Amino acid sequence: MSTTLFMGSLAIININKLSPREKQVAIYIAEGLCTKDIAVRMKVKPNTISTFKKKLFIKLEISSNVEIYKIFLNH
């Protein structure tokens, strides 16, 4: 089994752990938006987006935006 497929399988299980706001942040990241642009769209401060990102990284057991792209583009 390749790393990508394993990560995708694992992600499907863990995506359900995300709050609706965390999922939205993850989708925006997968679309290529930066923290500041996500904050503007969600009408919150950039620090709030950074907090959401930290939490979703922990819940998905990932460490980079690239992994978010892989998860949400394969989902």
Protein backbone atom coordinates (compact mmCIF):
# COMPACT_ATOMS: atom_id res chain seq x y z
CA MET A 1 0.00 0.00 0.00
CA SER A 2 1.42 3.40 -0.92
CA THR A 3 1.89 6.21 1.60
CA THR A 4 -0.66 8.37 -0.21
CA LEU A 5 -3.38 5.73 -0.07
CA PHE A 6 -2.67 5.00 3.58
CA MET A 7 -2.73 8.70 4.42
CA GLY A 8 -6.00 9.05 2.50
CA SER A 9 -7.60 6.14 4.37
CA LEU A 10 -6.45 7.49 7.69
CA ALA A 11 -7.69 10.96 6.80
CA ILE A 12 -11.20 9.74 6.02
CA ILE A 13 -11.43 8.36 9.54
CA ASN A 14 -10.02 11.51 11.14
CA ILE A 15 -11.94 14.10 9.10
CA ASN A 16 -15.02 13.30 11.16
CA LYS A 17 -13.15 14.56 14.24
CA LEU A 18 -12.97 18.10 12.82
CA SER A 19 -15.43 20.79 13.81
CA PRO A 20 -17.33 22.48 10.95
CA ARG A 21 -15.05 25.55 11.25
CA GLU A 22 -11.91 23.40 11.19
CA LYS A 23 -13.22 21.62 8.08
CA GLN A 24 -13.86 24.96 6.41
CA VAL A 25 -10.32 26.14 7.21
CA ALA A 26 -8.93 22.89 5.81
CA ILE A 27 -10.94 23.32 2.60
CA TYR A 28 -9.69 26.89 2.19
CA ILE A 29 -6.11 25.72 2.75
CA ALA A 30 -6.61 22.99 0.13
CA GLU A 31 -7.86 25.69 -2.24
CA GLY A 32 -4.56 27.51 -1.74
CA LEU A 33 -5.69 30.42 0.43
CA CYS A 34 -3.29 31.92 2.97
CA THR A 35 -4.17 32.49 6.63
CA LYS A 36 -4.96 36.17 6.10
CA ASP A 37 -7.34 35.46 3.18
CA ILE A 38 -9.08 32.69 5.12
CA ALA A 39 -9.54 35.08 8.05
CA VAL A 40 -11.14 37.67 5.77
CA ARG A 41 -13.53 35.09 4.28
CA MET A 42 -14.49 33.73 7.69
CA LYS A 43 -14.65 37.21 9.27
CA VAL A 44 -12.25 36.36 12.10
CA LYS A 45 -8.71 37.35 13.05
CA PRO A 46 -5.73 35.60 11.46
CA ASN A 47 -4.75 34.32 14.94
CA THR A 48 -8.07 32.51 15.12
CA ILE A 49 -7.32 30.78 11.82
CA SER A 50 -3.88 29.81 13.12
CA THR A 51 -5.57 28.22 16.14
CA PHE A 52 -7.97 26.28 13.89
CA LYS A 53 -5.00 25.12 11.80
CA LYS A 54 -3.11 23.88 14.86
CA LYS A 55 -6.14 21.95 16.07
CA LEU A 56 -6.88 20.36 12.71
CA PHE A 57 -3.21 19.38 12.26
CA ILE A 58 -3.36 17.60 15.62
CA LYS A 59 -6.68 15.90 14.90
CA LEU A 60 -5.58 14.75 11.43
CA GLU A 61 -2.12 13.83 12.71
CA ILE A 62 -0.41 15.89 10.00
CA SER A 63 2.24 18.59 10.01
CA SER A 64 1.91 20.62 6.80
CA ASN A 65 -0.46 22.25 4.35
CA VAL A 66 0.76 19.84 1.68
CA GLU A 67 -0.79 16.99 3.64
CA ILE A 68 -4.08 18.91 3.77
CA TYR A 69 -3.98 19.23 -0.03
CA LYS A 70 -3.47 15.47 -0.34
CA ILE A 71 -6.28 14.66 2.08
CA PHE A 72 -8.91 17.06 0.76
CA LEU A 73 -8.10 16.69 -2.93
CA ASN A 74 -8.43 12.90 -2.63
CA HIS A 75 -11.53 13.03 -0.45
